[in-house]
Structures are given as C-alpha cells and as structure tokens.
Amino acid sequence: MSVQLTKPKFNESQVSELLKKLFNLTPREICSLPSYDDQNFYVASPESGEYVLKIMNAEDSKNVNLIEVQTYAMSFAQQNGLPTQTVIPTNSGQLLSLEEMDCGSGCKKYLVRLLTYLPGVTISKVPLTPELLYETGKMAARIDKVFEKMEHPHLSVLQREKFIWSLSNVDLLEAYLGVLDGDPLQSVVKSVIHHYRTSVQPKQPNFRKCINHGDFNELNILVQPDDKSGNKISGILDFGDMNCGYYINELAIAIMYMMTVHPDPIKVGGPLLAGFESVFPLNEDEKDSLYFLVLSRFCQSLVIARYSVTLYPENAEYLMITSRKGVKIVQQLWELGKEQAEKVWFAKCE
C-alpha cells in the first residue's frame, strides 16, 4: 500500500520545465488527467503531436527495475499486435528519468516517462454490447498470452508477494478492514475473504500461471467506432499493476470492473467469459473459483479506495469512482449467490 505524501503534485510550470529539459518539447497545451497514485498529464505540442506525461509517485519511483519491466511490457505488447502506448526516449536516449523536485512536501525523486497518446474514449463511456464485452474478454486473455513469451532480466520483480492489488493476495485486506468499522459492508468483505481462503486458495495449484496486466478496468480500455456501427478496442492503458498471477485472475478483474458500468451487471460475465475462453479455455477449478474471485476484486477495490481516501482526501472523487457503484453491486452479487451467478455466466459457454 502506498504511504502518505508520495503522490506527486507537479504544477503546470514544473511540467513545462520537465518537458523542455528532458524532451525538448514546448507544449501548446497541458491538461491534468485522472490518476490513482501517480500524476498524468495530456500534452499537446505544435511541433510533434500529442503525448501523455506520467510522473510516478515517490514510493514506486524507488523500484526502478519494476518500472523498467512495465515499460518494456508495453513495447513488447505493441510489437505483438496489441494497442498499447510506447515510451518516447529522453534527449539522452533514456526511457526513464529520475527527477528530484519539491512538490510541497520536500524534495523527492520521481520517475518520469513520456508516452504516446492513444486516440479513443474509455470503454465506460460507450454501450457495453455483448459484442464489445466478448472482445474485452478476448483482449484480456490475449494480453496474458503475449506476456507468456516475454523475457527480461528483471522479470522476477513481478512476483510482488506483498502487492495489495494482486488477486493472489486477497487476505492482505484484513489489515485495512478498520476503514469499514460500523459499515454493514465489513461483514460481507470478511465473508468473502473467508471463502477466498477456503474455496479458492486450495484450488490455486491447478490454476494456470501467467503474468497479469492486473488492472483491466473501465478506465484503462479505450475504444473507437468500428465500421459496423459499434466500437472496437483501440487502446490498453496503465501497466502499473502487472504481477505474476493466474489467467483466471485477469478474467475476474475484467468482469468486476465491467459490472460497474453495465445497467444489468450480472449479464457482463457471459460474453466476457466467452471471449476469454475463445483464447484460453478454463479448467474446472478455475471456473469454480470465478465467482469468489470477482467478489474478491470488488472487496479489494472498495477497501483500498476507502483507505486511500484517508491518505489523499483531495483525490476522493477519483478514488471513489468504483467504490460508489461497487457497494450496491457487490451486495447484490453476494446475495444472488454462487450457483445463480454461475448459471448466468456459464449458460452460453457449455
């Protein structure tokens, strides 16, 4: 979990200075973009186009090897036909630059990258048709399949055994349950953690391992209109939660987040699952664990958001995006029960 006062707070003047110093860019426009732990800016330059400047938080900036692997993964995915951003080298030819700046809490070091800008809107802003959900599931499986082929000298940093966002580390949430004191949701979260331990963890030896993107959510998938009056996926963003996990984790994460932006959340699972299995068919233990893994991701999102708001109250609106919608959905999914949820999700996959 990120510690307090690590999130960068660069102002527009400091951003302009960085762009000129590192990339010899004179921006025509700088616009702040939403982010969780880091700081992102849309940058338009009259001489060379559009970019995204990403400034990592001070805590994550200490792990240069991890950021190197994430940066390499974006390029590797793009080279293998996936719509991802790539990194623009600095004037000195580096993909990462560690910059020391004072953003109001003393001098700290921040890793800075300039990324290509991908066109499109987030998938949260368009109708989630069964066809688009199918393609989303397919893309979630494809990216993990691509990562299977990836080699890098520091790939082991993706083990991330204490990473709170890994769906292999759900029981780490117990340390943060105090943020739900007095909230009826706390009993649901405790029950989900219990079922994760008793129903999911015993089956993990039979899960197929992979490297997960780890954050296949409604704000990290871009779409554009296709030639069939629908939408196609045009971009995959934010590789910051990459970790060694399981294929089934990626699917559970995608289902959970798409549920938060669909008018009938339970109906998300079927087409997403079908798309995923068109690339990577699940085994019985993976299928049997999907319901509790989806619930587990809801719990991660809700608990971590509540905790993060105590650290960054000024960023509460963004931090609570999923939480506001998720509370009602997780309660509905919990009350619906495993058997009924699986009847809907697996109906067209048998």
Protein backbone atom coordinates (compact mmCIF):
# COMPACT_ATOMS: atom_id res chain seq x y z
CA MET A 1 0.00 0.00 0.00
CA SER A 2 1.30 3.44 -0.89
CA VAL A 3 2.41 5.60 2.01
CA GLN A 4 1.21 9.11 2.66
CA LEU A 5 2.68 12.09 0.80
CA THR A 6 4.21 10.04 -2.02
CA LYS A 7 1.75 11.14 -4.73
CA PRO A 8 3.33 13.83 -6.88
CA LYS A 9 1.77 17.29 -7.11
CA PHE A 10 3.61 18.92 -10.01
CA ASN A 11 2.20 22.23 -11.20
CA GLU A 12 1.93 23.26 -14.85
CA SER A 13 5.10 25.31 -14.69
CA GLN A 14 7.12 22.36 -13.37
CA VAL A 15 5.64 20.10 -16.05
CA SER A 16 6.61 22.57 -18.79
CA GLU A 17 10.11 22.71 -17.35
CA LEU A 18 10.41 18.90 -17.40
CA LEU A 19 9.15 18.66 -20.97
CA LYS A 20 11.65 21.23 -22.20
CA LYS A 21 14.56 19.81 -20.22
CA LEU A 22 14.01 16.10 -20.93
CA PHE A 23 12.33 16.05 -24.35
CA ASN A 24 12.96 19.49 -25.84
CA LEU A 25 9.19 19.96 -26.11
CA THR A 26 7.39 23.27 -25.84
CA PRO A 27 3.78 22.35 -25.03
CA ARG A 28 0.84 24.19 -26.55
CA GLU A 29 -1.50 22.56 -24.03
CA ILE A 30 -1.09 20.76 -20.71
CA CYS A 31 -4.10 19.12 -19.08
CA SER A 32 -4.17 17.07 -15.88
CA LEU A 33 -5.58 13.54 -16.25
CA PRO A 34 -7.19 11.38 -13.52
CA SER A 35 -4.87 9.00 -11.68
CA TYR A 36 -4.76 6.84 -8.56
CA ASP A 37 -1.25 7.06 -7.08
CA ASP A 38 0.64 8.88 -9.82
CA GLN A 39 0.24 12.10 -11.81
CA ASN A 40 -0.63 12.08 -15.51
CA PHE A 41 -0.81 14.96 -17.99
CA TYR A 42 -2.10 15.24 -21.52
CA VAL A 43 0.45 17.19 -23.53
CA ALA A 44 -0.06 18.74 -26.98
CA SER A 45 2.98 20.04 -28.79
CA PRO A 46 2.66 22.10 -32.01
CA GLU A 47 5.82 20.57 -33.48
CA SER A 48 5.34 16.88 -32.68
CA GLY A 49 1.79 15.95 -31.66
CA GLU A 50 0.10 14.53 -28.55
CA TYR A 51 1.57 12.68 -25.57
CA VAL A 52 0.90 11.59 -22.01
CA LEU A 53 3.47 12.58 -19.39
CA LYS A 54 3.45 10.10 -16.50
CA ILE A 55 5.09 11.02 -13.18
CA MET A 56 5.31 8.06 -10.82
CA ASN A 57 4.70 8.51 -7.10
CA ALA A 58 7.82 8.78 -4.94
CA GLU A 59 7.40 5.36 -3.34
CA ASP A 60 7.07 3.42 -6.60
CA SER A 61 9.84 5.53 -8.14
CA LYS A 62 12.27 3.76 -5.81
CA ASN A 63 11.71 0.49 -7.69
CA VAL A 64 13.37 1.30 -10.99
CA ASN A 65 13.59 -2.35 -12.07
CA LEU A 66 9.83 -2.79 -11.74
CA ILE A 67 9.11 0.32 -13.83
CA GLU A 68 11.64 -0.86 -16.42
CA VAL A 69 9.81 -4.18 -16.77
CA GLN A 70 6.41 -2.45 -17.03
CA THR A 71 7.80 -0.09 -19.67
CA TYR A 72 9.27 -2.98 -21.62
CA ALA A 73 5.97 -4.88 -21.37
CA MET A 74 4.11 -2.04 -23.09
CA SER A 75 6.53 -2.08 -26.02
CA PHE A 76 6.51 -5.89 -26.16
CA ALA A 77 2.70 -5.97 -26.26
CA GLN A 78 2.66 -3.37 -29.02
CA GLN A 79 5.22 -5.33 -31.04
CA ASN A 80 2.90 -8.34 -30.72
CA GLY A 81 -0.08 -6.54 -32.20
CA LEU A 82 -1.79 -5.11 -29.12
CA PRO A 83 -2.88 -1.45 -28.96
CA THR A 84 -0.64 -0.13 -26.19
CA GLN A 85 1.31 3.04 -25.57
CA THR A 86 5.05 3.20 -26.17
CA VAL A 87 7.65 5.33 -24.45
CA ILE A 88 9.35 8.33 -26.06
CA PRO A 89 13.09 8.44 -25.21
CA THR A 90 14.54 11.49 -23.49
CA ASN A 91 17.06 13.76 -25.22
CA SER A 92 19.79 11.47 -23.86
CA GLY A 93 18.08 8.32 -25.17
CA GLN A 94 16.70 7.03 -21.83
CA LEU A 95 13.20 5.61 -21.41
CA LEU A 96 13.03 6.63 -17.74
CA SER A 97 14.32 9.73 -16.00
CA LEU A 98 14.58 10.08 -12.21
CA GLU A 99 13.90 13.72 -11.34
CA GLU A 100 14.24 15.37 -7.93
CA MET A 101 11.62 18.05 -7.30
CA ASP A 102 9.83 19.73 -4.42
CA CYS A 103 6.06 19.49 -4.86
CA GLY A 104 5.28 20.98 -1.47
CA SER A 105 6.35 18.15 0.84
CA GLY A 106 10.11 18.45 0.46
CA CYS A 107 12.43 17.23 -2.27
CA LYS A 108 11.60 13.74 -3.53
CA LYS A 109 12.64 11.71 -6.54
CA TYR A 110 10.07 10.87 -9.20
CA LEU A 111 10.38 8.63 -12.25
CA VAL A 112 9.20 10.43 -15.37
CA ARG A 113 8.13 8.92 -18.70
CA LEU A 114 6.63 10.41 -21.86
CA LEU A 115 4.17 8.05 -23.55
CA THR A 116 2.48 8.08 -26.93
CA TYR A 117 -1.12 9.28 -26.87
CA LEU A 118 -3.75 6.77 -27.95
CA PRO A 119 -6.99 8.03 -29.53
CA GLY A 120 -10.40 6.95 -28.32
CA VAL A 121 -12.65 7.20 -25.29
CA THR A 122 -12.74 4.96 -22.24
CA ILE A 123 -14.99 1.92 -22.53
CA SER A 124 -17.02 3.34 -19.63
CA LYS A 125 -18.46 5.97 -22.00
CA VAL A 126 -19.99 3.66 -24.61
CA PRO A 127 -22.73 1.00 -24.50
CA LEU A 128 -21.34 -2.34 -23.34
CA THR A 129 -22.86 -4.53 -26.03
CA PRO A 130 -22.37 -8.31 -25.86
CA GLU A 131 -20.04 -7.98 -28.86
CA LEU A 132 -17.82 -5.41 -27.13
CA LEU A 133 -17.79 -7.43 -23.91
CA TYR A 134 -16.76 -10.51 -25.92
CA GLU A 135 -13.87 -8.54 -27.44
CA THR A 136 -12.89 -7.26 -23.98
CA GLY A 137 -12.69 -10.80 -22.62
CA LYS A 138 -10.73 -11.87 -25.68
CA MET A 139 -8.29 -8.97 -25.24
CA ALA A 140 -7.80 -9.78 -21.52
CA ALA A 141 -6.74 -13.32 -22.44
CA ARG A 142 -4.62 -12.19 -25.40
CA ILE A 143 -2.50 -9.83 -23.33
CA ASP A 144 -1.67 -12.56 -20.80
CA LYS A 145 -0.85 -14.96 -23.65
CA VAL A 146 1.52 -12.36 -25.13
CA PHE A 147 3.23 -11.91 -21.76
CA GLU A 148 3.95 -15.66 -21.72
CA LYS A 149 6.56 -15.05 -24.42
CA MET A 150 8.14 -12.04 -22.74
CA GLU A 151 11.72 -12.22 -21.46
CA HIS A 152 13.54 -9.61 -19.38
CA PRO A 153 16.47 -9.82 -16.93
CA HIS A 154 14.33 -8.33 -14.13
CA LEU A 155 11.11 -10.27 -14.76
CA SER A 156 11.26 -11.70 -11.21
CA VAL A 157 10.25 -8.29 -9.79
CA LEU A 158 6.71 -9.08 -10.92
CA GLN A 159 6.37 -11.70 -8.16
CA ARG A 160 5.21 -8.84 -5.86
CA GLU A 161 4.29 -11.12 -2.94
CA LYS A 162 3.01 -8.26 -0.76
CA PHE A 163 1.28 -6.28 -3.52
CA ILE A 164 -2.13 -5.34 -2.14
CA TRP A 165 -3.76 -5.20 -5.61
CA SER A 166 -2.74 -8.72 -6.62
CA LEU A 167 -5.73 -11.04 -6.73
CA SER A 168 -3.41 -13.68 -5.28
CA ASN A 169 -3.07 -11.59 -2.09
CA VAL A 170 -6.70 -11.04 -1.07
CA ASP A 171 -6.07 -11.90 2.57
CA LEU A 172 -3.81 -8.84 2.89
CA LEU A 173 -7.04 -6.81 3.03
CA GLU A 174 -7.58 -7.87 6.65
CA ALA A 175 -5.04 -5.29 7.82
CA TYR A 176 -7.24 -2.50 6.39
CA LEU A 177 -10.72 -3.62 7.42
CA GLY A 178 -10.81 -0.92 10.10
CA VAL A 179 -11.81 1.60 7.41
CA LEU A 180 -15.16 -0.24 7.28
CA ASP A 181 -15.85 -0.14 11.03
CA GLY A 182 -19.57 0.45 11.53
CA ASP A 183 -20.35 -0.27 7.87
CA PRO A 184 -22.51 -3.36 7.09
CA LEU A 185 -20.19 -3.96 4.13
CA GLN A 186 -17.47 -5.08 6.54
CA SER A 187 -19.24 -8.38 7.26
CA VAL A 188 -19.55 -9.10 3.53
CA VAL A 189 -15.83 -8.42 2.99
CA LYS A 190 -14.90 -10.67 5.91
CA SER A 191 -17.08 -13.45 4.49
CA VAL A 192 -15.55 -13.09 1.03
CA ILE A 193 -12.02 -13.29 2.47
CA HIS A 194 -13.07 -16.45 4.34
CA HIS A 195 -14.41 -18.05 1.14
CA TYR A 196 -11.28 -16.97 -0.73
CA ARG A 197 -9.18 -18.88 1.82
CA THR A 198 -11.38 -21.96 1.97
CA SER A 199 -12.69 -22.21 -1.62
CA VAL A 200 -10.12 -20.50 -3.86
CA GLN A 201 -6.68 -20.95 -2.31
CA PRO A 202 -6.93 -24.78 -2.14
CA LYS A 203 -7.55 -24.82 -5.92
CA GLN A 204 -4.69 -22.46 -6.84
CA PRO A 205 -2.22 -25.31 -7.55
CA ASN A 206 -4.46 -26.18 -10.51
CA PHE A 207 -4.70 -22.60 -11.84
CA ARG A 208 -2.56 -21.84 -14.93
CA LYS A 209 0.11 -19.26 -14.12
CA CYS A 210 0.85 -16.17 -16.16
CA ILE A 211 1.79 -12.51 -15.88
CA ASN A 212 -1.31 -10.38 -15.33
CA HIS A 213 -1.90 -6.86 -16.61
CA GLY A 214 -3.72 -6.68 -13.30
CA ASP A 215 -5.96 -3.63 -13.87
CA PHE A 216 -8.17 -4.36 -16.87
CA ASN A 217 -10.75 -1.78 -15.83
CA GLU A 218 -13.27 0.54 -17.45
CA LEU A 219 -10.84 3.48 -17.45
CA ASN A 220 -7.86 1.55 -18.84
CA ILE A 221 -9.54 0.32 -22.03
CA LEU A 222 -10.02 2.76 -24.91
CA VAL A 223 -12.47 2.25 -27.77
CA GLN A 224 -13.23 3.82 -31.13
CA PRO A 225 -16.16 3.41 -33.54
CA ASP A 226 -15.79 0.46 -35.91
CA ASP A 227 -17.30 0.01 -39.39
CA LYS A 228 -20.27 -1.97 -38.03
CA SER A 229 -21.91 0.85 -36.02
CA GLY A 230 -20.31 -0.47 -32.86
CA ASN A 231 -17.00 0.04 -31.08
CA LYS A 232 -13.63 -1.67 -31.15
CA ILE A 233 -10.83 -1.65 -28.59
CA SER A 234 -8.22 0.95 -29.57
CA GLY A 235 -6.02 1.08 -26.50
CA ILE A 236 -4.90 -0.65 -23.31
CA LEU A 237 -3.51 1.65 -20.64
CA ASP A 238 -1.69 1.53 -17.30
CA PHE A 239 0.65 -1.42 -16.76
CA GLY A 240 1.45 -0.33 -13.20
CA ASP A 241 -0.32 -3.27 -11.52
CA MET A 242 1.41 -6.03 -13.50
CA ASN A 243 2.15 -9.05 -11.35
CA CYS A 244 2.75 -12.78 -11.55
CA GLY A 245 -0.63 -14.41 -11.11
CA TYR A 246 -3.10 -16.63 -12.93
CA TYR A 247 -5.18 -16.39 -16.10
CA ILE A 248 -8.38 -16.66 -14.08
CA ASN A 249 -7.38 -13.56 -12.09
CA GLU A 250 -7.33 -11.43 -15.24
CA LEU A 251 -10.80 -12.59 -16.21
CA ALA A 252 -12.21 -11.94 -12.73
CA ILE A 253 -10.76 -8.43 -12.72
CA ALA A 254 -12.26 -7.62 -16.13
CA ILE A 255 -15.70 -8.96 -15.13
CA MET A 256 -15.72 -6.99 -11.90
CA TYR A 257 -14.91 -3.64 -13.49
CA MET A 258 -17.26 -4.08 -16.46
CA MET A 259 -20.05 -4.87 -13.98
CA THR A 260 -19.66 -1.37 -12.54
CA VAL A 261 -20.54 0.32 -15.85
CA HIS A 262 -23.29 -2.00 -17.14
CA PRO A 263 -27.01 -1.36 -16.50
CA ASP A 264 -27.55 -5.04 -15.67
CA PRO A 265 -24.23 -6.03 -14.03
CA ILE A 266 -24.76 -9.79 -13.79
CA LYS A 267 -25.09 -10.05 -17.59
CA VAL A 268 -21.49 -8.92 -18.10
CA GLY A 269 -19.99 -12.29 -17.17
CA GLY A 270 -21.35 -14.43 -20.00
CA PRO A 271 -19.96 -12.61 -23.06
CA LEU A 272 -16.72 -11.68 -21.28
CA LEU A 273 -16.18 -15.30 -20.31
CA ALA A 274 -16.96 -16.49 -23.84
CA GLY A 275 -14.44 -14.05 -25.31
CA PHE A 276 -11.78 -15.05 -22.80
CA GLU A 277 -12.31 -18.77 -23.44
CA SER A 278 -12.06 -18.27 -27.20
CA VAL A 279 -8.36 -17.62 -26.49
CA PHE A 280 -7.80 -19.52 -23.23
CA PRO A 281 -10.33 -22.20 -22.15
CA LEU A 282 -10.64 -22.52 -18.38
CA ASN A 283 -10.34 -25.75 -16.41
CA GLU A 284 -12.92 -26.83 -13.84
CA ASP A 285 -11.10 -25.45 -10.78
CA GLU A 286 -10.69 -22.07 -12.47
CA LYS A 287 -14.37 -21.96 -13.39
CA ASP A 288 -15.38 -23.00 -9.87
CA SER A 289 -13.33 -20.13 -8.38
CA LEU A 290 -14.52 -17.33 -10.67
CA TYR A 291 -17.46 -16.17 -8.52
CA PHE A 292 -15.39 -15.68 -5.38
CA LEU A 293 -12.53 -14.10 -7.34
CA VAL A 294 -14.90 -11.49 -8.79
CA LEU A 295 -16.22 -10.77 -5.30
CA SER A 296 -12.65 -10.63 -4.01
CA ARG A 297 -11.73 -7.96 -6.57
CA PHE A 298 -14.76 -5.93 -5.54
CA CYS A 299 -13.56 -6.14 -1.95
CA GLN A 300 -10.03 -5.08 -2.89
CA SER A 301 -11.36 -2.08 -4.77
CA LEU A 302 -13.76 -1.00 -2.03
CA VAL A 303 -11.37 -1.39 0.90
CA ILE A 304 -8.32 0.11 -0.81
CA ALA A 305 -10.37 3.08 -2.05
CA ARG A 306 -11.64 3.82 1.46
CA TYR A 307 -8.13 3.57 2.85
CA SER A 308 -6.62 5.71 0.08
CA VAL A 309 -9.13 8.49 0.74
CA THR A 310 -7.71 8.77 4.27
CA LEU A 311 -4.30 9.43 2.68
CA TYR A 312 -5.42 11.63 -0.21
CA PRO A 313 -8.74 13.28 0.70
CA GLU A 314 -8.24 15.84 -2.08
CA ASN A 315 -8.40 12.98 -4.63
CA ALA A 316 -11.51 11.39 -3.12
CA GLU A 317 -13.71 11.91 -6.19
CA TYR A 318 -11.44 9.82 -8.42
CA LEU A 319 -10.52 7.27 -5.75
CA MET A 320 -14.17 6.51 -5.03
CA ILE A 321 -15.33 6.10 -8.66
CA THR A 322 -15.58 2.32 -8.46
CA SER A 323 -16.48 2.28 -4.78
CA ARG A 324 -19.65 4.35 -5.17
CA LYS A 325 -21.06 1.99 -7.77
CA GLY A 326 -19.43 -1.13 -6.39
CA VAL A 327 -21.03 -1.22 -2.95
CA LYS A 328 -24.50 -1.91 -4.31
CA ILE A 329 -23.26 -4.38 -6.93
CA VAL A 330 -21.13 -6.43 -4.54
CA GLN A 331 -24.07 -6.73 -2.15
CA GLN A 332 -26.35 -7.83 -5.00
CA LEU A 333 -23.80 -10.36 -6.26
CA TRP A 334 -23.25 -11.71 -2.75
CA GLU A 335 -27.00 -12.08 -2.17
CA LEU A 336 -27.50 -13.68 -5.59
CA GLY A 337 -25.11 -16.46 -4.61
CA LYS A 338 -22.57 -18.58 -6.44
CA GLU A 339 -24.97 -21.04 -8.04
CA GLN A 340 -27.25 -18.41 -9.58
CA ALA A 341 -24.35 -16.24 -10.78
CA GLU A 342 -22.72 -19.22 -12.46
CA LYS A 343 -25.98 -20.15 -14.20
CA VAL A 344 -25.96 -16.75 -15.89
CA TRP A 345 -22.23 -16.59 -16.63
CA PHE A 346 -21.76 -20.13 -17.91
CA ALA A 347 -25.11 -20.53 -19.69
CA LYS A 348 -23.68 -19.81 -23.16
CA CYS A 349 -20.31 -21.41 -22.51
CA GLU A 350 -21.37 -25.02 -22.04
